[in-house]
Amino acid sequence: MQFQRIKDLRQDNDITIKEISEFLGLHRDVYARYEKGIRDFPIDILIQLANYYDCSIDYLVGRTPKKSVNK
């Protein structure tokens, strides 16, 4: 499953794969595989991304169009 919304958020915020992978403590190739859907994101990485982008995990994975339940 490709995670287009996660890729779009990264690109909309002008963040490179290298920058986000360093923030997450991952090798850039590992992060790229997650984003392309070659590998599933571990929940701890999704939590870190949700905190980083200030949104819900459901938004990240495309389950809801609302960025946050509180907004």
C-alpha atoms as a PDB file:
ATOM      1  CA  MET A   1       0.000   0.000   0.000  1.00  0.00           C
ATOM      2  CA  GLN A   2       1.488   3.307  -1.075  1.00  0.00           C
ATOM      3  CA  PHE A   3       1.164   6.151   1.407  1.00  0.00           C
ATOM      4  CA  GLN A   4       0.567   9.090  -0.919  1.00  0.00           C
ATOM      5  CA  ARG A   5      -0.635  11.393   1.840  1.00  0.00           C
ATOM      6  CA  ILE A   6       2.591  10.931   3.813  1.00  0.00           C
ATOM      7  CA  LYS A   7       4.601  11.667   0.683  1.00  0.00           C
ATOM      8  CA  ASP A   8       2.436  14.712  -0.087  1.00  0.00           C
ATOM      9  CA  LEU A   9       2.864  16.082   3.443  1.00  0.00           C
ATOM     10  CA  ARG A  10       6.625  15.713   3.182  1.00  0.00           C
ATOM     11  CA  GLN A  11       6.760  17.418  -0.193  1.00  0.00           C
ATOM     12  CA  ASP A  12       4.292  20.174   0.791  1.00  0.00           C
ATOM     13  CA  ASN A  13       6.567  20.995   3.723  1.00  0.00           C
ATOM     14  CA  ASP A  14       9.663  21.008   1.460  1.00  0.00           C
ATOM     15  CA  ILE A  15      11.258  18.158   3.394  1.00  0.00           C
ATOM     16  CA  THR A  16      13.567  15.706   1.660  1.00  0.00           C
ATOM     17  CA  ILE A  17      13.565  11.972   2.250  1.00  0.00           C
ATOM     18  CA  LYS A  18      17.028  12.403   3.750  1.00  0.00           C
ATOM     19  CA  GLU A  19      15.799  15.030   6.246  1.00  0.00           C
ATOM     20  CA  ILE A  20      12.758  13.068   7.438  1.00  0.00           C
ATOM     21  CA  SER A  21      14.686   9.815   7.634  1.00  0.00           C
ATOM     22  CA  GLU A  22      17.369  11.501   9.769  1.00  0.00           C
ATOM     23  CA  PHE A  23      14.645  12.906  12.048  1.00  0.00           C
ATOM     24  CA  LEU A  24      13.201   9.415  12.429  1.00  0.00           C
ATOM     25  CA  GLY A  25      16.604   7.783  12.871  1.00  0.00           C
ATOM     26  CA  LEU A  26      16.230   5.646   9.747  1.00  0.00           C
ATOM     27  CA  HIS A  27      18.376   5.045   6.693  1.00  0.00           C
ATOM     28  CA  ARG A  28      16.932   7.003   3.768  1.00  0.00           C
ATOM     29  CA  ASP A  29      16.380   3.812   1.723  1.00  0.00           C
ATOM     30  CA  VAL A  30      14.342   2.270   4.551  1.00  0.00           C
ATOM     31  CA  TYR A  31      12.133   5.364   4.778  1.00  0.00           C
ATOM     32  CA  ALA A  32      11.718   5.465   0.985  1.00  0.00           C
ATOM     33  CA  ARG A  33      10.498   1.841   1.040  1.00  0.00           C
ATOM     34  CA  TYR A  34       7.914   2.749   3.691  1.00  0.00           C
ATOM     35  CA  GLU A  35       6.678   5.753   1.731  1.00  0.00           C
ATOM     36  CA  LYS A  36       6.452   3.769  -1.524  1.00  0.00           C
ATOM     37  CA  GLY A  37       4.498   1.023   0.208  1.00  0.00           C
ATOM     38  CA  ILE A  38       7.157  -1.634  -0.306  1.00  0.00           C
ATOM     39  CA  ARG A  39       7.212  -2.091   3.476  1.00  0.00           C
ATOM     40  CA  ASP A  40       4.560  -1.188   6.049  1.00  0.00           C
ATOM     41  CA  PHE A  41       5.243   1.681   8.429  1.00  0.00           C
ATOM     42  CA  PRO A  42       5.791   0.466  12.002  1.00  0.00           C
ATOM     43  CA  ILE A  43       3.355   2.080  14.441  1.00  0.00           C
ATOM     44  CA  ASP A  44       6.141   3.905  16.307  1.00  0.00           C
ATOM     45  CA  ILE A  45       7.183   5.617  13.077  1.00  0.00           C
ATOM     46  CA  LEU A  46       3.575   6.561  12.299  1.00  0.00           C
ATOM     47  CA  ILE A  47       3.270   8.082  15.774  1.00  0.00           C
ATOM     48  CA  GLN A  48       6.429  10.129  15.231  1.00  0.00           C
ATOM     49  CA  LEU A  49       5.176  11.298  11.823  1.00  0.00           C
ATOM     50  CA  ALA A  50       1.760  12.236  13.244  1.00  0.00           C
ATOM     51  CA  ASN A  51       3.474  14.290  15.932  1.00  0.00           C
ATOM     52  CA  TYR A  52       5.852  15.861  13.413  1.00  0.00           C
ATOM     53  CA  TYR A  53       3.078  16.879  10.999  1.00  0.00           C
ATOM     54  CA  ASP A  54       0.605  17.643  13.825  1.00  0.00           C
ATOM     55  CA  CYS A  55      -2.091  15.338  12.496  1.00  0.00           C
ATOM     56  CA  SER A  56      -3.771  12.055  13.297  1.00  0.00           C
ATOM     57  CA  ILE A  57      -2.490   8.661  12.209  1.00  0.00           C
ATOM     58  CA  ASP A  58      -5.843   8.100  10.489  1.00  0.00           C
ATOM     59  CA  TYR A  59      -5.147  11.175   8.347  1.00  0.00           C
ATOM     60  CA  LEU A  60      -1.637   9.975   7.515  1.00  0.00           C
ATOM     61  CA  VAL A  61      -2.859   6.623   6.234  1.00  0.00           C
ATOM     62  CA  GLY A  62      -5.859   8.056   4.366  1.00  0.00           C
ATOM     63  CA  ARG A  63      -8.639   6.840   6.657  1.00  0.00           C
ATOM     64  CA  THR A  64     -10.057  10.337   7.140  1.00  0.00           C
ATOM     65  CA  PRO A  65      -9.935  13.625   5.236  1.00  0.00           C
ATOM     66  CA  LYS A  66      -9.684  15.541   8.528  1.00  0.00           C
ATOM     67  CA  LYS A  67      -6.124  16.360   9.516  1.00  0.00           C
ATOM     68  CA  SER A  68      -6.959  16.167  13.202  1.00  0.00           C
ATOM     69  CA  VAL A  69      -9.942  15.144  15.310  1.00  0.00           C
ATOM     70  CA  ASN A  70      -9.633  18.418  17.242  1.00  0.00           C
ATOM     71  CA  LYS A  71      -9.603  20.713  14.202  1.00  0.00           C
END
